[in-house]
PDB file of all heavy atoms in Angstrom:
ATOM      1  N   ILE A   1      36.661 -11.161 -32.781  1.00  0.00           N
ATOM      2  CA  ILE A   1      37.953 -11.330 -33.418  1.00  0.00           C
ATOM      3  C   ILE A   1      37.978 -10.678 -34.820  1.00  0.00           C
ATOM      4  O   ILE A   1      36.888 -10.588 -35.452  1.00  0.00           O
ATOM      5  CB  ILE A   1      38.167 -12.856 -33.448  1.00  0.00           C
ATOM      6  CG1 ILE A   1      39.719 -13.088 -34.061  1.00  0.00           C
ATOM      7  CG2 ILE A   1      37.229 -13.585 -34.504  1.00  0.00           C
ATOM      8  CD1 ILE A   1      40.134 -14.478 -33.901  1.00  0.00           C
ATOM      9  N   GLY A   2      39.127 -10.058 -35.167  1.00  0.00           N
ATOM     10  CA  GLY A   2      39.280  -9.418 -36.476  1.00  0.00           C
ATOM     11  C   GLY A   2      40.220  -8.325 -36.349  1.00  0.00           C
ATOM     12  O   GLY A   2      39.900  -7.338 -35.660  1.00  0.00           O
ATOM     13  N   SER A   3      41.232  -8.299 -37.194  1.00  0.00           N
ATOM     14  CA  SER A   3      42.288  -7.117 -37.121  1.00  0.00           C
ATOM     15  C   SER A   3      42.114  -6.221 -38.314  1.00  0.00           C
ATOM     16  O   SER A   3      42.914  -5.228 -38.325  1.00  0.00           O
ATOM     17  CB  SER A   3      43.618  -7.736 -36.799  1.00  0.00           C
ATOM     18  OG  SER A   3      43.997  -8.575 -37.932  1.00  0.00           O
ATOM     19  N   LYS A   4      41.348  -6.540 -39.307  1.00  0.00           N
ATOM     20  CA  LYS A   4      41.416  -5.683 -40.545  1.00  0.00           C
ATOM     21  C   LYS A   4      40.521  -4.487 -40.350  1.00  0.00           C
ATOM     22  O   LYS A   4      39.245  -4.788 -40.226  1.00  0.00           O
ATOM     23  CB  LYS A   4      41.007  -6.568 -41.711  1.00  0.00           C
ATOM     24  CG  LYS A   4      42.047  -7.679 -42.028  1.00  0.00           C
ATOM     25  CD  LYS A   4      41.649  -8.298 -43.435  1.00  0.00           C
ATOM     26  CE  LYS A   4      42.284  -7.403 -44.521  1.00  0.00           C
ATOM     27  NZ  LYS A   4      42.322  -8.029 -45.895  1.00  0.00           N
ATOM     28  N   ALA A   5      40.912  -3.299 -40.644  1.00  0.00           N
ATOM     29  CA  ALA A   5      40.132  -2.145 -40.251  1.00  0.00           C
ATOM     30  C   ALA A   5      38.874  -2.094 -41.283  1.00  0.00           C
ATOM     31  O   ALA A   5      37.859  -1.650 -40.761  1.00  0.00           O
ATOM     32  CB  ALA A   5      40.995  -0.859 -40.439  1.00  0.00           C
ATOM     33  N   GLU A   6      38.999  -2.466 -42.405  1.00  0.00           N
ATOM     34  CA  GLU A   6      37.941  -2.352 -43.404  1.00  0.00           C
ATOM     35  C   GLU A   6      36.821  -3.357 -43.090  1.00  0.00           C
ATOM     36  O   GLU A   6      35.639  -3.305 -43.747  1.00  0.00           O
ATOM     37  CB  GLU A   6      38.440  -2.646 -44.811  1.00  0.00           C
ATOM     38  CG  GLU A   6      39.003  -3.870 -45.174  1.00  0.00           C
ATOM     39  CD  GLU A   6      40.463  -3.883 -44.936  1.00  0.00           C
ATOM     40  OE1 GLU A   6      41.016  -3.075 -44.077  1.00  0.00           O
ATOM     41  OE2 GLU A   6      41.325  -4.637 -45.632  1.00  0.00           O
ATOM     42  N   MET A   7      37.085  -4.400 -42.229  1.00  0.00           N
ATOM     43  CA  MET A   7      36.050  -5.428 -41.858  1.00  0.00           C
ATOM     44  C   MET A   7      35.340  -5.115 -40.501  1.00  0.00           C
ATOM     45  O   MET A   7      34.480  -5.844 -40.176  1.00  0.00           O
ATOM     46  CB  MET A   7      36.686  -6.704 -41.856  1.00  0.00           C
ATOM     47  CG  MET A   7      37.280  -7.248 -43.201  1.00  0.00           C
ATOM     48  SD  MET A   7      35.877  -7.733 -44.279  1.00  0.00           S
ATOM     49  CE  MET A   7      35.081  -9.082 -43.334  1.00  0.00           C
ATOM     50  N   ILE A   8      35.734  -3.980 -39.913  1.00  0.00           N
ATOM     51  CA  ILE A   8      35.201  -3.736 -38.502  1.00  0.00           C
ATOM     52  C   ILE A   8      33.729  -3.769 -38.478  1.00  0.00           C
ATOM     53  O   ILE A   8      33.003  -4.397 -37.507  1.00  0.00           O
ATOM     54  CB  ILE A   8      35.855  -2.442 -37.952  1.00  0.00           C
ATOM     55  CG1 ILE A   8      37.241  -2.573 -37.626  1.00  0.00           C
ATOM     56  CG2 ILE A   8      35.091  -2.091 -36.663  1.00  0.00           C
ATOM     57  CD1 ILE A   8      38.056  -1.363 -37.158  1.00  0.00           C
ATOM     58  N   ASP A   9      32.982  -3.077 -39.422  1.00  0.00           N
ATOM     59  CA  ASP A   9      31.482  -3.004 -39.224  1.00  0.00           C
ATOM     60  C   ASP A   9      30.865  -4.428 -39.434  1.00  0.00           C
ATOM     61  O   ASP A   9      29.930  -4.732 -38.666  1.00  0.00           O
ATOM     62  CB  ASP A   9      31.026  -2.078 -40.393  1.00  0.00           C
ATOM     63  CG  ASP A   9      31.257  -0.530 -40.094  1.00  0.00           C
ATOM     64  OD1 ASP A   9      31.588  -0.341 -38.891  1.00  0.00           O
ATOM     65  OD2 ASP A   9      31.237   0.131 -41.120  1.00  0.00           O
ATOM     66  N   THR A  10      31.452  -5.195 -40.368  1.00  0.00           N
ATOM     67  CA  THR A  10      30.844  -6.472 -40.540  1.00  0.00           C
ATOM     68  C   THR A  10      31.134  -7.372 -39.339  1.00  0.00           C
ATOM     69  O   THR A  10      30.228  -8.121 -38.846  1.00  0.00           O
ATOM     70  CB  THR A  10      31.539  -7.154 -41.747  1.00  0.00           C
ATOM     71  OG1 THR A  10      31.262  -6.301 -42.852  1.00  0.00           O
ATOM     72  CG2 THR A  10      30.920  -8.531 -42.013  1.00  0.00           C
ATOM     73  N   LEU A  11      32.360  -7.232 -38.836  1.00  0.00           N
ATOM     74  CA  LEU A  11      32.582  -8.189 -37.592  1.00  0.00           C
ATOM     75  C   LEU A  11      31.897  -7.708 -36.419  1.00  0.00           C
ATOM     76  O   LEU A  11      31.494  -8.498 -35.600  1.00  0.00           O
ATOM     77  CB  LEU A  11      34.247  -7.976 -37.383  1.00  0.00           C
ATOM     78  CG  LEU A  11      35.217  -8.619 -38.298  1.00  0.00           C
ATOM     79  CD1 LEU A  11      36.515  -8.098 -38.267  1.00  0.00           C
ATOM     80  CD2 LEU A  11      35.100 -10.153 -38.354  1.00  0.00           C
ATOM     81  N   PHE A  12      31.719  -6.440 -36.236  1.00  0.00           N
ATOM     82  CA  PHE A  12      31.037  -5.902 -35.133  1.00  0.00           C
ATOM     83  C   PHE A  12      29.530  -6.398 -35.240  1.00  0.00           C
ATOM     84  O   PHE A  12      28.805  -6.706 -34.164  1.00  0.00           O
ATOM     85  CB  PHE A  12      31.087  -4.395 -34.977  1.00  0.00           C
ATOM     86  CG  PHE A  12      30.607  -3.831 -33.847  1.00  0.00           C
ATOM     87  CD1 PHE A  12      30.650  -4.392 -32.541  1.00  0.00           C
ATOM     88  CD2 PHE A  12      29.789  -2.741 -33.904  1.00  0.00           C
ATOM     89  CE1 PHE A  12      30.131  -3.738 -31.309  1.00  0.00           C
ATOM     90  CE2 PHE A  12      29.276  -2.143 -32.758  1.00  0.00           C
ATOM     91  CZ  PHE A  12      29.384  -2.587 -31.533  1.00  0.00           C
ATOM     92  N   GLY A  13      28.945  -6.321 -36.379  1.00  0.00           N
ATOM     93  CA  GLY A  13      27.611  -6.723 -36.519  1.00  0.00           C
ATOM     94  C   GLY A  13      27.372  -8.249 -36.218  1.00  0.00           C
ATOM     95  O   GLY A  13      26.419  -8.634 -35.487  1.00  0.00           O
ATOM     96  N   ASP A  14      28.313  -9.075 -36.734  1.00  0.00           N
ATOM     97  CA  ASP A  14      28.315 -10.453 -36.469  1.00  0.00           C
ATOM     98  C   ASP A  14      28.489 -10.712 -34.930  1.00  0.00           C
ATOM     99  O   ASP A  14      27.658 -11.559 -34.329  1.00  0.00           O
ATOM    100  CB  ASP A  14      29.528 -11.246 -37.105  1.00  0.00           C
ATOM    101  CG  ASP A  14      29.477 -12.635 -36.641  1.00  0.00           C
ATOM    102  OD1 ASP A  14      28.522 -13.407 -37.155  1.00  0.00           O
ATOM    103  OD2 ASP A  14      30.513 -13.037 -36.101  1.00  0.00           O
ATOM    104  N   PHE A  15      29.357 -10.082 -34.318  1.00  0.00           N
ATOM    105  CA  PHE A  15      29.434 -10.062 -32.877  1.00  0.00           C
ATOM    106  C   PHE A  15      28.077  -9.732 -32.059  1.00  0.00           C
ATOM    107  O   PHE A  15      27.692 -10.520 -31.151  1.00  0.00           O
ATOM    108  CB  PHE A  15      30.577  -9.243 -32.278  1.00  0.00           C
ATOM    109  CG  PHE A  15      30.565  -9.154 -30.801  1.00  0.00           C
ATOM    110  CD1 PHE A  15      31.148 -10.166 -30.025  1.00  0.00           C
ATOM    111  CD2 PHE A  15      30.108  -8.113 -30.168  1.00  0.00           C
ATOM    112  CE1 PHE A  15      31.025 -10.081 -28.586  1.00  0.00           C
ATOM    113  CE2 PHE A  15      30.075  -7.949 -28.863  1.00  0.00           C
ATOM    114  CZ  PHE A  15      30.596  -8.899 -28.073  1.00  0.00           C
ATOM    115  N   LYS A  16      27.556  -8.603 -32.364  1.00  0.00           N
ATOM    116  CA  LYS A  16      26.417  -8.184 -31.759  1.00  0.00           C
ATOM    117  C   LYS A  16      25.291  -9.197 -31.932  1.00  0.00           C
ATOM    118  O   LYS A  16      24.527  -9.430 -30.906  1.00  0.00           O
ATOM    119  CB  LYS A  16      25.942  -6.875 -32.231  1.00  0.00           C
ATOM    120  CG  LYS A  16      26.830  -5.779 -31.721  1.00  0.00           C
ATOM    121  CD  LYS A  16      26.137  -4.209 -31.976  1.00  0.00           C
ATOM    122  CE  LYS A  16      26.254  -3.978 -33.516  1.00  0.00           C
ATOM    123  NZ  LYS A  16      25.734  -2.685 -33.720  1.00  0.00           N
ATOM    124  N   SER A  17      25.208  -9.862 -33.053  1.00  0.00           N
ATOM    125  CA  SER A  17      24.140 -10.782 -33.300  1.00  0.00           C
ATOM    126  C   SER A  17      24.234 -12.042 -32.437  1.00  0.00           C
ATOM    127  O   SER A  17      23.265 -12.471 -31.922  1.00  0.00           O
ATOM    128  CB  SER A  17      24.158 -11.186 -34.810  1.00  0.00           C
ATOM    129  OG  SER A  17      23.309 -12.205 -34.967  1.00  0.00           O
ATOM    130  N   ARG A  18      25.554 -12.465 -32.422  1.00  0.00           N
ATOM    131  CA  ARG A  18      25.851 -13.692 -31.562  1.00  0.00           C
ATOM    132  C   ARG A  18      25.580 -13.342 -30.063  1.00  0.00           C
ATOM    133  O   ARG A  18      25.026 -14.244 -29.343  1.00  0.00           O
ATOM    134  CB  ARG A  18      27.284 -14.185 -31.771  1.00  0.00           C
ATOM    135  CG  ARG A  18      27.432 -14.995 -32.999  1.00  0.00           C
ATOM    136  CD  ARG A  18      28.934 -15.689 -33.049  1.00  0.00           C
ATOM    137  NE  ARG A  18      29.989 -14.458 -33.423  1.00  0.00           N
ATOM    138  CZ  ARG A  18      30.926 -14.084 -32.730  1.00  0.00           C
ATOM    139  NH1 ARG A  18      30.922 -14.806 -31.398  1.00  0.00           N
ATOM    140  NH2 ARG A  18      31.688 -13.321 -32.820  1.00  0.00           N
ATOM    141  N   LEU A  19      25.965 -12.212 -29.520  1.00  0.00           N
ATOM    142  CA  LEU A  19      25.708 -11.798 -28.136  1.00  0.00           C
ATOM    143  C   LEU A  19      24.310 -11.631 -27.875  1.00  0.00           C
ATOM    144  O   LEU A  19      23.884 -12.174 -26.774  1.00  0.00           O
ATOM    145  CB  LEU A  19      26.545 -10.443 -27.858  1.00  0.00           C
ATOM    146  CG  LEU A  19      26.273  -9.928 -26.418  1.00  0.00           C
ATOM    147  CD1 LEU A  19      26.831 -10.938 -25.483  1.00  0.00           C
ATOM    148  CD2 LEU A  19      26.874  -8.550 -26.381  1.00  0.00           C
ATOM    149  N   LYS A  20      23.508 -11.082 -28.790  1.00  0.00           N
ATOM    150  CA  LYS A  20      22.076 -10.871 -28.671  1.00  0.00           C
ATOM    151  C   LYS A  20      21.394 -12.201 -28.446  1.00  0.00           C
ATOM    152  O   LYS A  20      20.506 -12.411 -27.632  1.00  0.00           O
ATOM    153  CB  LYS A  20      21.499  -9.923 -29.724  1.00  0.00           C
ATOM    154  CG  LYS A  20      20.050  -9.637 -29.509  1.00  0.00           C
ATOM    155  CD  LYS A  20      19.658  -8.822 -30.685  1.00  0.00           C
ATOM    156  CE  LYS A  20      18.089  -8.433 -30.296  1.00  0.00           C
ATOM    157  NZ  LYS A  20      17.622  -7.361 -31.485  1.00  0.00           N
ATOM    158  N   GLN A  21      21.842 -13.179 -29.349  1.00  0.00           N
ATOM    159  CA  GLN A  21      21.323 -14.517 -29.321  1.00  0.00           C
ATOM    160  C   GLN A  21      21.549 -15.253 -28.117  1.00  0.00           C
ATOM    161  O   GLN A  21      20.636 -15.763 -27.426  1.00  0.00           O
ATOM    162  CB  GLN A  21      21.875 -15.402 -30.500  1.00  0.00           C
ATOM    163  CG  GLN A  21      21.391 -16.740 -30.647  1.00  0.00           C
ATOM    164  CD  GLN A  21      19.847 -16.985 -30.902  1.00  0.00           C
ATOM    165  OE1 GLN A  21      19.282 -16.013 -31.427  1.00  0.00           O
ATOM    166  NE2 GLN A  21      19.293 -18.160 -30.713  1.00  0.00           N
ATOM    167  N   ALA A  22      22.741 -15.087 -27.490  1.00  0.00           N
ATOM    168  CA  ALA A  22      23.255 -15.709 -26.234  1.00  0.00           C
ATOM    169  C   ALA A  22      22.379 -15.110 -25.098  1.00  0.00           C
ATOM    170  O   ALA A  22      21.922 -15.876 -24.218  1.00  0.00           O
ATOM    171  CB  ALA A  22      24.692 -15.689 -26.082  1.00  0.00           C
ATOM    172  N   GLN A  23      22.218 -13.785 -25.090  1.00  0.00           N
ATOM    173  CA  GLN A  23      21.389 -13.150 -24.111  1.00  0.00           C
ATOM    174  C   GLN A  23      20.026 -13.629 -23.874  1.00  0.00           C
ATOM    175  O   GLN A  23      19.374 -13.345 -22.837  1.00  0.00           O
ATOM    176  CB  GLN A  23      21.588 -11.714 -24.185  1.00  0.00           C
ATOM    177  CG  GLN A  23      22.997 -10.947 -23.940  1.00  0.00           C
ATOM    178  CD  GLN A  23      23.230  -9.539 -24.049  1.00  0.00           C
ATOM    179  OE1 GLN A  23      22.687  -8.998 -25.113  1.00  0.00           O
ATOM    180  NE2 GLN A  23      23.795  -8.977 -23.255  1.00  0.00           N
ATOM    181  N   LYS A  24      19.599 -14.032 -25.046  1.00  0.00           N
ATOM    182  CA  LYS A  24      18.083 -14.609 -24.947  1.00  0.00           C
ATOM    183  C   LYS A  24      18.013 -15.663 -23.867  1.00  0.00           C
ATOM    184  O   LYS A  24      16.918 -15.973 -23.326  1.00  0.00           O
ATOM    185  CB  LYS A  24      17.623 -15.094 -26.271  1.00  0.00           C
ATOM    186  CG  LYS A  24      17.461 -14.142 -27.257  1.00  0.00           C
ATOM    187  CD  LYS A  24      16.986 -14.644 -28.491  1.00  0.00           C
ATOM    188  CE  LYS A  24      16.910 -13.853 -29.784  1.00  0.00           C
ATOM    189  NZ  LYS A  24      16.435 -14.422 -30.968  1.00  0.00           N
ATOM    190  N   TYR A  25      19.087 -16.382 -23.502  1.00  0.00           N
ATOM    191  CA  TYR A  25      18.982 -17.513 -22.588  1.00  0.00           C
ATOM    192  C   TYR A  25      19.585 -17.188 -21.279  1.00  0.00           C
ATOM    193  O   TYR A  25      19.684 -18.174 -20.460  1.00  0.00           O
ATOM    194  CB  TYR A  25      19.807 -18.629 -23.239  1.00  0.00           C
ATOM    195  CG  TYR A  25      19.334 -19.098 -24.599  1.00  0.00           C
ATOM    196  CD1 TYR A  25      19.885 -18.596 -25.744  1.00  0.00           C
ATOM    197  CD2 TYR A  25      18.084 -19.855 -24.757  1.00  0.00           C
ATOM    198  CE1 TYR A  25      19.409 -19.034 -27.044  1.00  0.00           C
ATOM    199  CE2 TYR A  25      17.574 -20.188 -26.062  1.00  0.00           C
ATOM    200  CZ  TYR A  25      18.330 -19.839 -27.068  1.00  0.00           C
ATOM    201  OH  TYR A  25      17.716 -20.211 -28.396  1.00  0.00           O
ATOM    202  N   ASN A  26      19.883 -15.957 -20.969  1.00  0.00           N
ATOM    203  CA  ASN A  26      20.339 -15.620 -19.591  1.00  0.00           C
ATOM    204  C   ASN A  26      19.327 -16.188 -18.475  1.00  0.00           C
ATOM    205  O   ASN A  26      18.099 -16.037 -18.707  1.00  0.00           O
ATOM    206  CB  ASN A  26      20.426 -14.045 -19.415  1.00  0.00           C
ATOM    207  CG  ASN A  26      21.689 -13.552 -19.904  1.00  0.00           C
ATOM    208  OD1 ASN A  26      22.668 -14.285 -20.226  1.00  0.00           O
ATOM    209  ND2 ASN A  26      21.701 -12.239 -20.298  1.00  0.00           N
ATOM    210  N   SER A  27      19.935 -16.837 -17.516  1.00  0.00           N
ATOM    211  CA  SER A  27      19.074 -17.464 -16.605  1.00  0.00           C
ATOM    212  C   SER A  27      19.938 -17.743 -15.257  1.00  0.00           C
ATOM    213  O   SER A  27      21.068 -17.237 -15.295  1.00  0.00           O
ATOM    214  CB  SER A  27      18.670 -18.788 -17.049  1.00  0.00           C
ATOM    215  OG  SER A  27      19.715 -19.700 -17.334  1.00  0.00           O
ATOM    216  N   LYS A  28      19.424 -18.425 -14.360  1.00  0.00           N
ATOM    217  CA  LYS A  28      20.111 -18.783 -13.174  1.00  0.00           C
ATOM    218  C   LYS A  28      21.430 -19.349 -13.360  1.00  0.00           C
ATOM    219  O   LYS A  28      22.427 -19.180 -12.590  1.00  0.00           O
ATOM    220  CB  LYS A  28      19.146 -19.692 -12.293  1.00  0.00           C
ATOM    221  CG  LYS A  28      19.859 -20.083 -10.938  1.00  0.00           C
ATOM    222  CD  LYS A  28      18.885 -21.044 -10.234  1.00  0.00           C
ATOM    223  CE  LYS A  28      19.487 -21.550  -8.878  1.00  0.00           C
ATOM    224  NZ  LYS A  28      18.595 -22.396  -8.224  1.00  0.00           N
ATOM    225  N   ASN A  29      21.614 -20.280 -14.452  1.00  0.00           N
ATOM    226  CA  ASN A  29      22.826 -20.857 -14.607  1.00  0.00           C
ATOM    227  C   ASN A  29      23.472 -20.623 -16.025  1.00  0.00           C
ATOM    228  O   ASN A  29      24.404 -21.325 -16.442  1.00  0.00           O
ATOM    229  CB  ASN A  29      22.748 -22.474 -14.427  1.00  0.00           C
ATOM    230  CG  ASN A  29      22.078 -23.149 -15.621  1.00  0.00           C
ATOM    231  OD1 ASN A  29      21.286 -22.542 -16.314  1.00  0.00           O
ATOM    232  ND2 ASN A  29      22.278 -24.423 -15.606  1.00  0.00           N
ATOM    233  N   PHE A  30      23.058 -19.507 -16.598  1.00  0.00           N
ATOM    234  CA  PHE A  30      23.644 -19.089 -17.968  1.00  0.00           C
ATOM    235  C   PHE A  30      23.549 -17.650 -18.034  1.00  0.00           C
ATOM    236  O   PHE A  30      22.767 -17.019 -17.808  1.00  0.00           O
ATOM    237  CB  PHE A  30      22.813 -19.586 -19.199  1.00  0.00           C
ATOM    238  CG  PHE A  30      23.300 -19.363 -20.445  1.00  0.00           C
ATOM    239  CD1 PHE A  30      24.057 -20.335 -21.146  1.00  0.00           C
ATOM    240  CD2 PHE A  30      23.127 -18.076 -21.020  1.00  0.00           C
ATOM    241  CE1 PHE A  30      24.606 -20.015 -22.438  1.00  0.00           C
ATOM    242  CE2 PHE A  30      23.640 -17.830 -22.341  1.00  0.00           C
ATOM    243  CZ  PHE A  30      24.406 -18.793 -22.955  1.00  0.00           C
TER     244      PHE A  30
END
């Protein structure tokens, strides 16, 4: 989420961090 152009790098970095954290738990039911 985020619509301000000047914040894209920060927002993208935060998103990638959350996604990477979630992917650590990929399993049969996650």
